[in-house]
Amino acid sequence: MDHSEPTRPEAAKSTAELKAEALIRRQKRNLRKASAEGFLAGVCAMLRPGDLVMDCGANMGVVTVVLAATGADVIAYEPDPFAFATLQEKFADVANVTLVNAAVGVGSGTVRLMRADNFVDNPTGASVKSTILDGGRRIDTANSVEVPLIDFPTLVREKAAERGGIAFVKMDIEGAELEILEQMDAEGLFAHVRCLVAETHERKFRDLRERYRAIREGFAEKYPAGRVNLDWI
């Protein structure tokens, strides 16, 4: 029997309780951020010139810069035209960085990229939330652009065949990671990737939480955390 207290609705909680919960969430996020930064530092220490790295959801290129400094060949995928323009300025003279203005997913063609509801007021900060998935919270479906879509499982197979494997994949693509991870697992494609980190977006897509839970539980049994890490932030 479960003797835990039921969760009270937000409206029934005191201001002090809400502040305490917000503080706890912030502390947890800070710990995850520090852990992710440490993990990335460890990965970069292992990367060498000639390694192939994929930065999916490069946004303004914060992680791309760190990866490029290792000398590895970095392919940065960013669908939002606003963010991509920043990448073009930042990496115009960086020979080991290739920029691709496209979304990654399962399937190919074109897809609607929807932006956050505060994109007009703060495009630099809000561009990180742009998504190709319907149903995300705080997304303005009316503010969207058509962008190319690249089939990521196919891309993994092709690049692995060309290069003998992929050293590192970073994936922060606002919900599109779920189907990709499921497909890669089903096709055994993690065998071609030395290390992959992904930020998962359960909080943003409530209807997908059971599927996220399933991959977390399944991946924990199949893959070492140093090989497939779903706690990127």
Protein backbone atom coordinates (compact mmCIF):
# COMPACT_ATOMS: atom_id res chain seq x y z
CA MET A 1 0.00 0.00 0.00
CA ASP A 2 1.24 3.47 -0.85
CA HIS A 3 1.17 5.67 2.25
CA SER A 4 2.66 8.73 0.57
CA GLU A 5 0.70 11.95 0.73
CA PRO A 6 -1.11 12.95 -2.46
CA THR A 7 0.30 15.91 -4.29
CA ARG A 8 -1.70 19.01 -3.60
CA PRO A 9 -2.73 21.27 -6.47
CA GLU A 10 -0.61 24.39 -6.95
CA ALA A 11 -3.50 26.66 -5.92
CA ALA A 12 -3.65 24.99 -2.46
CA LYS A 13 0.04 25.52 -1.69
CA SER A 14 1.35 28.44 0.31
CA THR A 15 3.74 31.01 -1.13
CA ALA A 16 6.50 29.61 1.06
CA GLU A 17 5.90 26.08 -0.25
CA LEU A 18 5.96 27.24 -3.85
CA LYS A 19 9.18 29.18 -3.27
CA ALA A 20 10.79 26.16 -1.61
CA GLU A 21 9.82 23.90 -4.51
CA ALA A 22 11.19 26.42 -7.00
CA LEU A 23 14.46 26.58 -5.05
CA ILE A 24 14.77 22.79 -5.03
CA ARG A 25 14.14 22.64 -8.79
CA ARG A 26 16.77 25.32 -9.36
CA GLN A 27 19.31 23.49 -7.22
CA LYS A 28 18.67 20.22 -9.05
CA ARG A 29 19.06 21.98 -12.39
CA ASN A 30 22.33 23.57 -11.27
CA LEU A 31 23.65 20.17 -10.21
CA ARG A 32 22.65 18.66 -13.55
CA LYS A 33 24.30 21.55 -15.37
CA ALA A 34 27.55 21.11 -13.45
CA SER A 35 27.46 17.36 -14.10
CA ALA A 36 26.86 17.89 -17.83
CA GLU A 37 29.71 20.39 -18.08
CA GLY A 38 32.04 17.95 -16.33
CA PHE A 39 30.94 15.14 -18.61
CA LEU A 40 31.58 17.30 -21.69
CA ALA A 41 35.04 18.20 -20.41
CA GLY A 42 35.82 14.50 -20.07
CA VAL A 43 34.56 13.77 -23.59
CA CYS A 44 36.60 16.62 -25.05
CA ALA A 45 39.73 15.32 -23.35
CA MET A 46 39.29 12.12 -25.36
CA LEU A 47 38.55 13.72 -28.74
CA ARG A 48 41.30 14.02 -31.31
CA PRO A 49 41.73 15.57 -34.78
CA GLY A 50 40.07 13.27 -37.29
CA ASP A 51 37.27 12.23 -34.92
CA LEU A 52 33.74 12.97 -36.11
CA VAL A 53 31.40 14.88 -33.80
CA MET A 54 27.77 15.87 -34.34
CA ASP A 55 26.18 18.79 -32.50
CA CYS A 56 22.42 18.45 -33.01
CA GLY A 57 20.60 21.58 -31.94
CA ALA A 58 23.69 23.77 -31.96
CA ASN A 59 21.70 26.98 -31.36
CA MET A 60 24.23 29.79 -30.76
CA GLY A 61 27.21 27.44 -30.84
CA VAL A 62 28.22 27.42 -27.16
CA VAL A 63 28.94 23.67 -27.21
CA THR A 64 30.17 23.78 -30.82
CA VAL A 65 33.00 26.10 -29.77
CA VAL A 66 34.16 23.66 -27.10
CA LEU A 67 33.99 20.69 -29.46
CA ALA A 68 35.79 22.53 -32.26
CA ALA A 69 38.67 23.40 -29.93
CA THR A 70 39.56 19.69 -29.71
CA GLY A 71 40.46 19.60 -33.39
CA ALA A 72 37.74 17.06 -34.15
CA ASP A 73 35.58 17.47 -37.25
CA VAL A 74 32.33 18.98 -36.01
CA ILE A 75 29.05 18.98 -37.93
CA ALA A 76 26.60 21.40 -36.30
CA TYR A 77 22.89 21.06 -37.14
CA GLU A 78 20.61 24.00 -36.34
CA PRO A 79 17.15 24.47 -37.89
CA ASP A 80 16.23 27.96 -36.68
CA PRO A 81 17.34 30.55 -39.29
CA PHE A 82 17.90 33.18 -36.59
CA ALA A 83 20.27 31.00 -34.58
CA PHE A 84 21.92 29.68 -37.73
CA ALA A 85 22.89 33.19 -38.78
CA THR A 86 24.81 33.53 -35.53
CA LEU A 87 26.58 30.25 -36.18
CA GLN A 88 27.60 31.44 -39.63
CA GLU A 89 29.19 34.57 -38.18
CA LYS A 90 30.91 32.71 -35.35
CA PHE A 91 32.37 29.85 -37.40
CA ALA A 92 32.98 31.49 -40.76
CA ASP A 93 36.73 30.94 -40.47
CA VAL A 94 36.77 27.68 -38.48
CA ALA A 95 37.89 24.98 -40.90
CA ASN A 96 36.88 21.94 -38.83
CA VAL A 97 33.25 23.05 -38.33
CA THR A 98 30.56 22.30 -40.93
CA LEU A 99 27.22 24.05 -40.47
CA VAL A 100 23.91 22.55 -41.62
CA ASN A 101 20.73 24.64 -41.50
CA ALA A 102 18.31 21.77 -40.92
CA ALA A 103 16.40 19.89 -38.26
CA VAL A 104 17.21 16.27 -37.46
CA GLY A 105 14.49 13.72 -36.86
CA VAL A 106 13.10 10.45 -38.18
CA GLY A 107 12.16 11.01 -41.81
CA SER A 108 13.29 13.55 -44.38
CA GLY A 109 11.84 16.41 -46.41
CA THR A 110 10.59 19.64 -44.85
CA VAL A 111 9.00 20.26 -41.48
CA ARG A 112 7.38 23.11 -39.57
CA LEU A 113 9.67 24.63 -36.92
CA MET A 114 7.60 26.34 -34.23
CA ARG A 115 9.01 29.01 -31.98
CA ALA A 116 8.52 29.95 -28.34
CA ASP A 117 5.78 32.38 -27.41
CA ASN A 118 8.37 35.02 -26.41
CA PHE A 119 10.48 34.73 -29.56
CA VAL A 120 9.52 38.16 -30.92
CA ASP A 121 10.56 39.89 -27.68
CA ASN A 122 13.72 37.84 -27.07
CA PRO A 123 14.81 35.88 -30.16
CA THR A 124 18.31 35.19 -28.83
CA GLY A 125 17.07 33.59 -25.62
CA ALA A 126 13.93 32.01 -27.06
CA SER A 127 15.49 30.41 -30.15
CA VAL A 128 16.75 27.53 -28.01
CA LYS A 129 13.11 26.42 -27.53
CA SER A 130 12.21 26.13 -31.21
CA THR A 131 10.71 22.69 -31.91
CA ILE A 132 9.34 20.52 -34.72
CA LEU A 133 6.99 18.68 -32.33
CA ASP A 134 3.37 19.64 -31.77
CA GLY A 135 2.02 19.96 -28.24
CA GLY A 136 4.93 21.63 -26.50
CA ARG A 137 4.13 24.09 -23.75
CA ARG A 138 4.77 27.79 -24.32
CA ILE A 139 5.07 27.29 -28.08
CA ASP A 140 3.45 29.72 -30.51
CA THR A 141 2.31 27.52 -33.39
CA ALA A 142 1.44 30.59 -35.44
CA ASN A 143 5.08 31.69 -35.39
CA SER A 144 6.70 28.99 -37.49
CA VAL A 145 8.99 28.50 -40.46
CA GLU A 146 9.47 25.62 -42.88
CA VAL A 147 12.91 24.02 -42.57
CA PRO A 148 14.66 21.00 -44.10
CA LEU A 149 14.47 17.74 -42.15
CA ILE A 150 17.30 15.20 -42.18
CA ASP A 151 16.70 11.58 -41.22
CA PHE A 152 19.15 11.09 -38.36
CA PRO A 153 19.23 7.27 -38.23
CA THR A 154 20.13 7.23 -41.94
CA LEU A 155 22.73 9.93 -41.31
CA VAL A 156 24.33 7.83 -38.56
CA ARG A 157 24.60 4.83 -40.86
CA GLU A 158 26.08 6.91 -43.69
CA LYS A 159 28.60 8.79 -41.56
CA ALA A 160 29.64 5.66 -39.71
CA ALA A 161 30.30 3.93 -43.03
CA GLU A 162 32.31 6.91 -44.28
CA ARG A 163 34.34 7.50 -41.13
CA GLY A 164 34.36 4.13 -39.39
CA GLY A 165 32.22 5.43 -36.55
CA ILE A 166 31.09 8.60 -34.81
CA ALA A 167 33.02 9.75 -31.77
CA PHE A 168 30.39 11.93 -30.09
CA VAL A 169 26.82 13.14 -30.56
CA LYS A 170 25.24 15.94 -28.55
CA MET A 171 21.48 16.15 -28.96
CA ASP A 172 19.37 19.05 -27.63
CA ILE A 173 16.48 19.24 -30.09
CA GLU A 174 13.41 20.06 -28.03
CA GLY A 175 11.50 16.80 -28.11
CA ALA A 176 12.59 15.41 -31.48
CA GLU A 177 15.19 13.34 -29.62
CA LEU A 178 12.56 10.87 -28.38
CA GLU A 179 11.73 9.26 -31.72
CA ILE A 180 15.37 9.36 -32.82
CA LEU A 181 16.55 7.56 -29.69
CA GLU A 182 13.80 4.97 -30.01
CA GLN A 183 14.71 4.34 -33.66
CA MET A 184 18.45 4.19 -33.02
CA ASP A 185 17.86 1.64 -30.28
CA ALA A 186 15.56 -0.45 -32.48
CA GLU A 187 18.12 -0.48 -35.32
CA GLY A 188 21.19 -1.07 -33.15
CA LEU A 189 22.73 2.23 -34.25
CA PHE A 190 24.34 3.03 -30.91
CA ALA A 191 26.99 0.51 -31.95
CA HIS A 192 28.27 3.18 -34.37
CA VAL A 193 28.48 5.98 -31.77
CA ARG A 194 31.18 6.04 -29.10
CA CYS A 195 29.24 8.42 -26.85
CA LEU A 196 25.89 10.23 -27.07
CA VAL A 197 24.38 12.79 -24.72
CA ALA A 198 20.81 14.05 -25.02
CA GLU A 199 18.59 16.41 -23.13
CA THR A 200 15.14 14.87 -22.84
CA HIS A 201 12.03 17.03 -22.67
CA GLU A 202 9.46 15.25 -20.52
CA ARG A 203 8.42 18.49 -18.83
CA LYS A 204 7.73 20.18 -22.15
CA PHE A 205 5.69 17.34 -23.70
CA ARG A 206 3.35 15.91 -21.08
CA ASP A 207 1.73 13.41 -23.46
CA LEU A 208 5.10 11.77 -24.18
CA ARG A 209 6.16 11.14 -20.59
CA GLU A 210 5.44 7.40 -20.64
CA ARG A 211 7.62 6.94 -23.70
CA TYR A 212 10.40 8.96 -22.10
CA ARG A 213 10.14 6.82 -18.98
CA ALA A 214 10.35 3.68 -21.10
CA ILE A 215 13.55 4.70 -22.88
CA ARG A 216 15.16 5.83 -19.64
CA GLU A 217 14.46 2.48 -18.02
CA GLY A 218 15.37 0.47 -21.10
CA PHE A 219 18.55 2.39 -21.84
CA ALA A 220 19.71 2.12 -18.22
CA GLU A 221 19.70 -1.66 -18.66
CA LYS A 222 21.27 -1.73 -22.13
CA TYR A 223 23.87 1.04 -22.22
CA PRO A 224 26.47 2.33 -19.74
CA ALA A 225 25.81 5.93 -18.64
CA GLY A 226 29.16 6.91 -20.10
CA ARG A 227 28.02 5.66 -23.50
CA VAL A 228 24.44 6.96 -23.69
CA ASN A 229 23.71 9.79 -21.27
CA LEU A 230 20.14 11.15 -21.18
CA ASP A 231 20.83 13.77 -18.49
CA TRP A 232 22.35 16.44 -20.68
CA ILE A 233 21.13 19.96 -19.98
